N, C-alpha and C. Protein backbone atom coordinates (compact mmCIF):
# COMPACT_ATOMS: atom_id res chain seq x y z
N MET A 1 85.70 79.98 91.32
CA MET A 1 87.11 80.30 91.34
C MET A 1 87.30 81.74 91.80
N ILE A 2 88.21 81.95 92.74
CA ILE A 2 88.55 83.29 93.22
C ILE A 2 89.93 83.65 92.69
N TYR A 3 90.04 84.86 92.18
CA TYR A 3 91.29 85.38 91.68
C TYR A 3 91.78 86.48 92.61
N TYR A 4 93.08 86.69 92.65
CA TYR A 4 93.59 87.78 93.47
C TYR A 4 94.76 88.46 92.77
N GLN A 5 95.01 89.67 93.22
CA GLN A 5 96.18 90.40 92.76
C GLN A 5 96.54 91.43 93.83
N TYR A 6 97.77 91.84 93.82
CA TYR A 6 98.22 92.92 94.68
C TYR A 6 98.27 94.20 93.87
N VAL A 7 97.84 95.27 94.49
CA VAL A 7 97.84 96.58 93.86
C VAL A 7 98.68 97.51 94.73
N GLU A 8 99.71 98.08 94.14
CA GLU A 8 100.52 99.06 94.87
C GLU A 8 99.73 100.36 94.98
N SER A 9 99.81 101.00 96.14
CA SER A 9 99.09 102.25 96.35
C SER A 9 99.89 103.13 97.30
N PRO A 10 99.54 104.41 97.38
CA PRO A 10 100.22 105.30 98.33
C PRO A 10 100.00 104.92 99.80
N VAL A 11 98.99 104.09 100.07
CA VAL A 11 98.73 103.67 101.45
C VAL A 11 99.22 102.24 101.69
N GLY A 12 100.02 101.73 100.79
CA GLY A 12 100.57 100.39 100.94
C GLY A 12 99.99 99.43 99.91
N LYS A 13 100.52 98.24 99.93
CA LYS A 13 100.07 97.21 99.00
C LYS A 13 98.69 96.72 99.41
N LEU A 14 97.78 96.66 98.44
CA LEU A 14 96.42 96.18 98.68
C LEU A 14 96.25 94.81 98.02
N LEU A 15 95.57 93.92 98.69
CA LEU A 15 95.20 92.63 98.11
C LEU A 15 93.76 92.75 97.64
N THR A 16 93.54 92.52 96.35
CA THR A 16 92.18 92.52 95.82
C THR A 16 91.84 91.10 95.38
N ALA A 17 90.58 90.72 95.56
CA ALA A 17 90.16 89.37 95.18
C ALA A 17 88.73 89.41 94.69
N GLY A 18 88.44 88.53 93.76
CA GLY A 18 87.09 88.45 93.21
C GLY A 18 87.03 87.39 92.14
N ASN A 19 85.94 87.44 91.37
CA ASN A 19 85.76 86.50 90.27
C ASN A 19 85.11 87.24 89.11
N GLU A 20 84.64 86.51 88.11
CA GLU A 20 84.02 87.16 86.96
C GLU A 20 82.76 87.93 87.33
N GLN A 21 82.12 87.57 88.44
CA GLN A 21 80.91 88.27 88.87
C GLN A 21 81.23 89.60 89.54
N GLY A 22 82.46 89.75 90.04
CA GLY A 22 82.82 91.02 90.64
C GLY A 22 83.84 90.93 91.76
N LEU A 23 84.20 92.09 92.24
CA LEU A 23 85.15 92.25 93.34
C LEU A 23 84.53 91.75 94.64
N GLN A 24 85.30 91.00 95.41
CA GLN A 24 84.80 90.47 96.68
C GLN A 24 85.56 90.97 97.89
N HIS A 25 86.84 91.28 97.74
CA HIS A 25 87.66 91.69 98.88
C HIS A 25 88.70 92.71 98.48
N ILE A 26 88.96 93.64 99.39
CA ILE A 26 90.16 94.47 99.36
C ILE A 26 90.71 94.42 100.77
N CYS A 27 91.97 94.05 100.89
CA CYS A 27 92.60 93.94 102.21
C CYS A 27 93.90 94.72 102.23
N PHE A 28 94.29 95.11 103.41
CA PHE A 28 95.55 95.80 103.65
C PHE A 28 96.51 94.80 104.29
N PRO A 29 97.20 93.98 103.51
CA PRO A 29 98.02 92.91 104.07
C PRO A 29 99.08 93.37 105.06
N ALA A 30 99.60 94.56 104.90
CA ALA A 30 100.68 95.01 105.78
C ALA A 30 100.15 95.77 106.99
N ARG A 31 98.85 95.89 107.11
CA ARG A 31 98.29 96.71 108.17
C ARG A 31 97.40 95.87 109.08
N GLY A 32 96.43 96.54 109.70
CA GLY A 32 95.62 95.92 110.72
C GLY A 32 94.63 94.87 110.26
N ASN A 33 94.41 94.74 108.96
CA ASN A 33 93.39 93.82 108.47
C ASN A 33 93.98 92.86 107.44
N PRO A 34 94.98 92.07 107.86
CA PRO A 34 95.60 91.19 106.87
C PRO A 34 94.66 90.06 106.45
N CYS A 35 94.73 89.69 105.21
CA CYS A 35 94.00 88.53 104.72
C CYS A 35 94.80 87.95 103.56
N PRO A 36 95.62 87.00 103.85
CA PRO A 36 96.45 86.43 102.78
C PRO A 36 95.58 85.69 101.76
N PRO A 37 96.07 85.56 100.54
CA PRO A 37 95.31 84.78 99.56
C PRO A 37 95.15 83.35 100.05
N GLN A 38 94.00 82.80 99.79
CA GLN A 38 93.74 81.42 100.18
C GLN A 38 94.44 80.47 99.21
N PRO A 39 94.75 79.25 99.64
CA PRO A 39 95.48 78.31 98.78
C PRO A 39 94.80 78.01 97.45
N ASP A 40 93.46 78.08 97.41
CA ASP A 40 92.76 77.76 96.16
C ASP A 40 92.50 78.98 95.28
N TRP A 41 93.02 80.16 95.65
CA TRP A 41 92.88 81.34 94.83
C TRP A 41 93.95 81.34 93.74
N THR A 42 93.64 81.97 92.60
CA THR A 42 94.56 82.05 91.47
C THR A 42 95.02 83.49 91.30
N ALA A 43 96.32 83.66 91.08
CA ALA A 43 96.90 85.01 90.98
C ALA A 43 96.68 85.63 89.60
N ASP A 44 96.59 86.95 89.61
CA ASP A 44 96.66 87.79 88.41
C ASP A 44 95.80 87.34 87.24
N HIS A 45 94.51 87.52 87.39
CA HIS A 45 93.55 87.15 86.35
C HIS A 45 92.97 88.43 85.73
N PRO A 46 92.66 88.42 84.44
CA PRO A 46 92.09 89.61 83.79
C PRO A 46 90.81 90.13 84.45
N ALA A 47 90.11 89.30 85.19
CA ALA A 47 88.88 89.74 85.85
C ALA A 47 89.14 90.89 86.82
N LEU A 48 90.38 91.05 87.28
CA LEU A 48 90.70 92.09 88.25
C LEU A 48 91.40 93.30 87.65
N GLU A 49 91.61 93.31 86.34
CA GLU A 49 92.30 94.43 85.71
C GLU A 49 91.58 95.76 85.91
N GLU A 50 90.25 95.75 85.80
CA GLU A 50 89.48 96.98 85.97
C GLU A 50 89.56 97.49 87.40
N VAL A 51 89.62 96.58 88.35
CA VAL A 51 89.77 96.97 89.75
C VAL A 51 91.08 97.75 89.91
N SER A 52 92.15 97.21 89.38
CA SER A 52 93.46 97.85 89.44
C SER A 52 93.43 99.23 88.78
N ARG A 53 92.82 99.29 87.62
CA ARG A 53 92.75 100.54 86.87
C ARG A 53 92.02 101.62 87.66
N GLN A 54 90.85 101.26 88.21
CA GLN A 54 90.07 102.26 88.94
C GLN A 54 90.73 102.66 90.25
N LEU A 55 91.35 101.72 90.94
CA LEU A 55 92.08 102.08 92.16
C LEU A 55 93.22 103.04 91.84
N SER A 56 93.94 102.79 90.76
CA SER A 56 95.03 103.68 90.36
C SER A 56 94.50 105.08 90.07
N LEU A 57 93.40 105.18 89.35
CA LEU A 57 92.81 106.49 89.06
C LEU A 57 92.36 107.19 90.34
N TYR A 58 91.80 106.44 91.27
CA TYR A 58 91.38 107.01 92.55
C TYR A 58 92.59 107.62 93.26
N PHE A 59 93.67 106.86 93.35
CA PHE A 59 94.85 107.34 94.06
C PHE A 59 95.56 108.48 93.32
N GLU A 60 95.32 108.60 92.01
CA GLU A 60 95.85 109.73 91.24
C GLU A 60 94.91 110.94 91.32
N GLU A 61 93.86 110.84 92.12
CA GLU A 61 92.85 111.89 92.29
C GLU A 61 92.11 112.20 90.99
N LYS A 62 91.91 111.16 90.17
CA LYS A 62 91.21 111.30 88.90
C LYS A 62 89.88 110.54 88.88
N LEU A 63 89.52 109.90 89.99
CA LEU A 63 88.27 109.13 90.06
C LEU A 63 87.62 109.38 91.41
N LYS A 64 86.39 109.85 91.37
CA LYS A 64 85.66 110.14 92.61
C LYS A 64 84.71 109.01 93.00
N GLN A 65 84.22 108.28 92.03
CA GLN A 65 83.25 107.23 92.31
C GLN A 65 83.59 105.99 91.48
N PHE A 66 83.67 104.87 92.16
CA PHE A 66 83.98 103.62 91.49
C PHE A 66 82.76 103.09 90.76
N SER A 67 83.01 102.39 89.66
CA SER A 67 81.93 101.74 88.91
C SER A 67 82.35 100.30 88.63
N LEU A 68 82.55 99.57 89.69
CA LEU A 68 83.00 98.19 89.59
C LEU A 68 81.85 97.24 89.89
N LYS A 69 81.89 96.08 89.26
CA LYS A 69 80.95 95.02 89.62
C LYS A 69 81.41 94.47 90.97
N LEU A 70 80.45 94.28 91.87
CA LEU A 70 80.77 93.72 93.18
C LEU A 70 80.04 92.40 93.34
N CYS A 71 80.66 91.49 94.04
CA CYS A 71 80.07 90.20 94.36
C CYS A 71 80.28 89.97 95.86
N LEU A 72 79.41 90.59 96.64
CA LEU A 72 79.59 90.60 98.09
C LEU A 72 78.69 89.57 98.76
N HIS A 73 79.22 88.95 99.77
CA HIS A 73 78.48 87.98 100.57
C HIS A 73 78.31 88.58 101.96
N VAL A 74 77.24 89.35 102.12
CA VAL A 74 77.00 90.07 103.36
C VAL A 74 75.54 89.88 103.79
N SER A 75 75.27 90.20 105.05
CA SER A 75 73.90 90.09 105.56
C SER A 75 73.04 91.21 104.97
N PRO A 76 71.71 91.05 105.03
CA PRO A 76 70.83 92.12 104.53
C PRO A 76 71.08 93.46 105.24
N PHE A 77 71.32 93.42 106.57
CA PHE A 77 71.58 94.66 107.29
C PHE A 77 72.89 95.29 106.82
N GLN A 78 73.93 94.47 106.66
CA GLN A 78 75.20 95.01 106.19
C GLN A 78 75.05 95.58 104.78
N LYS A 79 74.30 94.94 103.95
CA LYS A 79 74.04 95.43 102.59
C LYS A 79 73.40 96.82 102.65
N GLU A 80 72.46 96.99 103.56
CA GLU A 80 71.78 98.27 103.75
C GLU A 80 72.79 99.35 104.16
N VAL A 81 73.67 99.01 105.09
CA VAL A 81 74.69 99.95 105.55
C VAL A 81 75.66 100.28 104.42
N LEU A 82 76.12 99.26 103.69
CA LEU A 82 77.07 99.49 102.61
C LEU A 82 76.45 100.33 101.50
N THR A 83 75.19 100.12 101.21
CA THR A 83 74.49 100.93 100.21
C THR A 83 74.44 102.39 100.64
N ALA A 84 74.17 102.63 101.92
CA ALA A 84 74.17 104.00 102.45
C ALA A 84 75.57 104.60 102.40
N LEU A 85 76.58 103.81 102.67
CA LEU A 85 77.97 104.30 102.59
C LEU A 85 78.32 104.77 101.19
N GLU A 86 77.82 104.06 100.20
CA GLU A 86 78.11 104.44 98.81
C GLU A 86 77.53 105.81 98.46
N GLN A 87 76.57 106.28 99.25
CA GLN A 87 75.94 107.58 99.00
C GLN A 87 76.68 108.73 99.66
N VAL A 88 77.67 108.44 100.50
CA VAL A 88 78.44 109.51 101.15
C VAL A 88 79.38 110.09 100.09
N PRO A 89 79.23 111.36 99.77
CA PRO A 89 80.01 111.95 98.68
C PRO A 89 81.52 111.93 98.93
N TYR A 90 82.24 111.85 97.86
CA TYR A 90 83.70 111.94 97.85
C TYR A 90 84.12 113.19 98.61
N GLY A 91 85.05 113.03 99.54
CA GLY A 91 85.57 114.17 100.27
C GLY A 91 84.74 114.57 101.48
N ASP A 92 83.59 113.95 101.69
CA ASP A 92 82.75 114.25 102.84
C ASP A 92 82.91 113.15 103.89
N THR A 93 82.44 113.45 105.09
CA THR A 93 82.41 112.45 106.15
C THR A 93 81.02 112.43 106.78
N VAL A 94 80.76 111.35 107.48
CA VAL A 94 79.48 111.16 108.16
C VAL A 94 79.77 110.39 109.45
N SER A 95 78.96 110.62 110.47
CA SER A 95 79.14 109.87 111.72
C SER A 95 78.36 108.56 111.65
N TYR A 96 78.70 107.65 112.54
CA TYR A 96 77.96 106.39 112.62
C TYR A 96 76.49 106.66 112.93
N GLY A 97 76.23 107.62 113.83
CA GLY A 97 74.85 107.96 114.18
C GLY A 97 74.08 108.50 112.98
N GLU A 98 74.72 109.37 112.21
CA GLU A 98 74.07 109.92 111.02
C GLU A 98 73.80 108.82 110.00
N LEU A 99 74.74 107.92 109.84
CA LEU A 99 74.54 106.81 108.91
C LEU A 99 73.37 105.94 109.36
N ALA A 100 73.27 105.71 110.67
CA ALA A 100 72.15 104.94 111.21
C ALA A 100 70.82 105.64 110.90
N LYS A 101 70.79 106.96 111.03
CA LYS A 101 69.57 107.72 110.70
C LYS A 101 69.23 107.58 109.22
N ARG A 102 70.25 107.60 108.38
CA ARG A 102 70.02 107.52 106.93
C ARG A 102 69.42 106.19 106.50
N ILE A 103 69.66 105.14 107.27
CA ILE A 103 69.04 103.85 106.92
C ILE A 103 67.75 103.63 107.70
N GLY A 104 67.30 104.66 108.43
CA GLY A 104 66.03 104.57 109.13
C GLY A 104 66.11 103.82 110.46
N LYS A 105 67.32 103.69 111.02
CA LYS A 105 67.51 103.00 112.30
C LYS A 105 68.36 103.88 113.21
N PRO A 106 67.80 104.99 113.67
CA PRO A 106 68.60 105.98 114.40
C PRO A 106 69.24 105.48 115.70
N ARG A 107 68.76 104.40 116.23
CA ARG A 107 69.33 103.87 117.48
C ARG A 107 70.34 102.75 117.23
N ALA A 108 70.69 102.54 115.99
CA ALA A 108 71.55 101.40 115.64
C ALA A 108 72.98 101.82 115.27
N SER A 109 73.48 102.89 115.88
CA SER A 109 74.81 103.36 115.48
C SER A 109 75.90 102.33 115.77
N ARG A 110 75.77 101.57 116.85
CA ARG A 110 76.76 100.51 117.12
C ARG A 110 76.71 99.41 116.08
N ALA A 111 75.50 98.99 115.74
CA ALA A 111 75.35 97.95 114.71
C ALA A 111 75.87 98.46 113.36
N VAL A 112 75.63 99.73 113.08
CA VAL A 112 76.16 100.33 111.86
C VAL A 112 77.68 100.30 111.89
N GLY A 113 78.26 100.61 113.03
CA GLY A 113 79.71 100.56 113.18
C GLY A 113 80.26 99.16 112.94
N GLN A 114 79.56 98.16 113.46
CA GLN A 114 80.02 96.78 113.25
C GLN A 114 79.89 96.37 111.79
N ALA A 115 78.82 96.76 111.14
CA ALA A 115 78.65 96.45 109.71
C ALA A 115 79.72 97.18 108.90
N ASN A 116 79.99 98.40 109.27
CA ASN A 116 81.02 99.19 108.60
C ASN A 116 82.39 98.52 108.74
N ALA A 117 82.68 98.01 109.93
CA ALA A 117 83.97 97.36 110.20
C ALA A 117 84.15 96.08 109.38
N LYS A 118 83.05 95.47 108.96
CA LYS A 118 83.11 94.24 108.18
C LYS A 118 83.01 94.48 106.67
N ASN A 119 83.14 95.73 106.26
CA ASN A 119 83.08 96.07 104.84
C ASN A 119 84.16 95.27 104.10
N PRO A 120 83.77 94.40 103.18
CA PRO A 120 84.77 93.58 102.49
C PRO A 120 85.55 94.32 101.40
N VAL A 121 85.06 95.51 100.99
CA VAL A 121 85.74 96.24 99.92
C VAL A 121 85.97 97.71 100.31
N PRO A 122 86.80 97.93 101.36
CA PRO A 122 87.07 99.32 101.74
C PRO A 122 87.69 100.08 100.57
N ILE A 123 87.59 101.34 100.63
CA ILE A 123 87.98 102.31 99.59
C ILE A 123 86.90 102.33 98.52
N VAL A 124 86.60 101.19 97.89
CA VAL A 124 85.54 101.15 96.87
C VAL A 124 84.19 101.49 97.50
N ILE A 125 83.86 100.86 98.60
CA ILE A 125 82.73 101.30 99.42
C ILE A 125 83.38 102.06 100.57
N PRO A 126 83.21 103.38 100.60
CA PRO A 126 84.07 104.27 101.38
C PRO A 126 83.82 104.31 102.89
N CYS A 127 84.11 103.23 103.56
CA CYS A 127 83.94 103.19 105.02
C CYS A 127 84.91 104.14 105.73
N HIS A 128 85.97 104.56 105.03
CA HIS A 128 86.91 105.51 105.63
C HIS A 128 86.25 106.88 105.85
N ARG A 129 85.11 107.13 105.23
CA ARG A 129 84.42 108.42 105.36
C ARG A 129 83.55 108.49 106.62
N VAL A 130 83.53 107.42 107.41
CA VAL A 130 82.73 107.41 108.63
C VAL A 130 83.63 107.75 109.81
N ILE A 131 83.19 108.75 110.58
CA ILE A 131 83.97 109.22 111.72
C ILE A 131 83.09 109.20 112.97
N GLY A 132 83.71 109.42 114.11
CA GLY A 132 82.95 109.48 115.36
C GLY A 132 82.08 110.72 115.42
N SER A 133 81.08 110.71 116.28
CA SER A 133 80.17 111.86 116.39
C SER A 133 80.89 113.10 116.89
N ASN A 134 82.05 112.91 117.53
CA ASN A 134 82.84 114.04 118.00
C ASN A 134 83.79 114.58 116.93
N GLY A 135 83.71 114.01 115.72
CA GLY A 135 84.55 114.45 114.62
C GLY A 135 85.91 113.77 114.55
N ARG A 136 86.18 112.89 115.48
CA ARG A 136 87.47 112.20 115.50
C ARG A 136 87.44 110.95 114.63
N LEU A 137 88.63 110.57 114.17
CA LEU A 137 88.75 109.34 113.42
C LEU A 137 88.57 108.16 114.36
N THR A 138 87.87 107.17 113.87
CA THR A 138 87.67 105.94 114.63
C THR A 138 88.20 104.79 113.80
N GLY A 139 88.09 103.59 114.31
CA GLY A 139 88.69 102.41 113.70
C GLY A 139 88.57 102.29 112.19
N PHE A 140 89.58 101.64 111.64
CA PHE A 140 89.62 101.37 110.20
C PHE A 140 90.53 100.18 110.00
N GLY A 141 90.12 99.23 109.15
CA GLY A 141 90.88 98.00 108.93
C GLY A 141 92.30 98.22 108.46
N GLY A 142 92.55 99.30 107.77
CA GLY A 142 93.90 99.60 107.30
C GLY A 142 94.70 100.41 108.30
N GLY A 143 94.08 100.79 109.43
CA GLY A 143 94.73 101.61 110.44
C GLY A 143 94.32 103.07 110.29
N LEU A 144 94.41 103.80 111.38
CA LEU A 144 93.98 105.20 111.37
C LEU A 144 94.85 106.08 110.46
N ALA A 145 96.13 105.78 110.34
CA ALA A 145 96.99 106.57 109.46
C ALA A 145 96.52 106.44 108.00
N VAL A 146 96.10 105.24 107.61
CA VAL A 146 95.60 105.03 106.25
C VAL A 146 94.27 105.76 106.07
N LYS A 147 93.41 105.68 107.07
CA LYS A 147 92.13 106.39 107.00
C LYS A 147 92.37 107.89 106.82
N GLN A 148 93.28 108.44 107.61
CA GLN A 148 93.62 109.86 107.50
C GLN A 148 94.15 110.18 106.11
N ALA A 149 95.02 109.32 105.59
CA ALA A 149 95.59 109.55 104.26
C ALA A 149 94.51 109.53 103.17
N LEU A 150 93.55 108.62 103.28
CA LEU A 150 92.46 108.56 102.30
C LEU A 150 91.59 109.81 102.37
N LEU A 151 91.29 110.27 103.57
CA LEU A 151 90.48 111.48 103.72
C LEU A 151 91.22 112.70 103.18
N GLU A 152 92.53 112.77 103.43
CA GLU A 152 93.33 113.89 102.91
C GLU A 152 93.40 113.84 101.39
N LEU A 153 93.57 112.65 100.82
CA LEU A 153 93.59 112.50 99.37
C LEU A 153 92.28 113.03 98.79
N GLU A 154 91.17 112.68 99.39
CA GLU A 154 89.87 113.12 98.87
C GLU A 154 89.68 114.63 99.04
N GLN A 155 90.20 115.20 100.11
CA GLN A 155 90.12 116.66 100.26
C GLN A 155 90.89 117.36 99.16
N ARG A 156 92.09 116.84 98.84
CA ARG A 156 92.89 117.44 97.76
C ARG A 156 92.19 117.29 96.42
N GLY A 157 91.57 116.13 96.18
CA GLY A 157 90.95 115.86 94.89
C GLY A 157 89.51 116.31 94.77
N LYS A 158 88.98 116.88 95.84
CA LYS A 158 87.55 117.23 95.87
C LYS A 158 87.13 118.17 94.75
N ASN A 159 88.01 119.04 94.34
CA ASN A 159 87.63 120.06 93.35
C ASN A 159 88.04 119.71 91.94
N PHE A 160 88.63 118.52 91.72
CA PHE A 160 89.00 118.22 90.34
C PHE A 160 87.73 118.00 89.51
N GLY A 161 87.82 118.35 88.27
CA GLY A 161 86.68 118.16 87.38
C GLY A 161 85.61 119.22 87.48
N LYS A 162 85.86 120.27 88.30
CA LYS A 162 84.84 121.33 88.44
C LYS A 162 85.15 122.48 87.53
């Protein structure tokens, strides 16, 4: 059984979905990566309450690192990329090439980009922290304006708790 809920955020309404094993999807329904709830999904289940709570804290600049259970269905290579993404510190950015080096595949920056683009739980696994080698913002499922907003939020919140 998959459960879903909508979470209001400063970057628009987010659709979150998962089950008792963990979070499976975060989508930006009003932006470039829409994913409506499937007919067999059930709305507003307690399994997603913690997701909502942590996302709210993140957007309030009170949470730097998520501690959510995830239940992802991804390839081994994508898992490797997503694990490396989780190591990019709050408020920092990394290029696709640098991320490829970090997973020991320095010539795989395009494949890293494709794996990054298929991240099923953006924000929680911070694919918005990946930028082009020239320092410019590159694609993001929620749109470049949302990516910029997330990076700015993290810059503002970078020093909290110090």
